C-alpha cells in the first residue's frame, strides 16, 4: 500500500512539474510583448516622411522536451527512445529493486562522449550520462542529451538490462 501511495505522489509531483514548466514557458513567451500606439499621426504635416510598418522581430526559441523512461526488473520502457538534441530524459525507478542507469559499455560507462565511471566522483559528474549511483523505487535520474547519435545504455547493477537513445 505504501508503494502505491508513493507511486501516486510521484506521479502527481511529475505532473505538477510538467504543468509548471509549460506555464513558465508560456509566461516567458508572452511577458515581452509590447504594444505601441500611434496617436494623431499626421502625414500631411511632413509629406517627405513615409511611415512603414515593420514586422515584429521574432527570436526563435527551441522547446526542450522531457521524456520519461521507466525502469524495473523487466528492463527499461521504452527500450528505444528517439529525441531531439538538447532534450532531457528522466529515468524513473518503478520497480522493487535499485537501478543505476548509465552509458553503455559495462563496467566503464564510456560510450556517450565524455562519460566514464571514473568521473562520478569528480566535478564532471553532472556532465556525464551516468547516475553515478543507484536509484531506489520512486527516485529519478535525469540527463540532457547534447550529442547527436545513437547512444546505448545499461543498468550498472543489472547489466543485462539495456536500451538505446537516438538523438537527432
Foldseek 3Di string as FASTA:
>chain_A
DVLVVLVVVLVVVVVVVVVVVVVVVVCVVPVPDDDDDDPPDDCVVPVVDDDDDDDDDDDDDDDAEEAEWEQEPVAIVPQEAEEEAFHKYKYAYAYQDWWKKAFDDPPFRPPQPPAGLVCCVDPCNLVGRIQNDIDGHGDMDMHHHRDAAKTKIATNVDRVHIGIYGYD
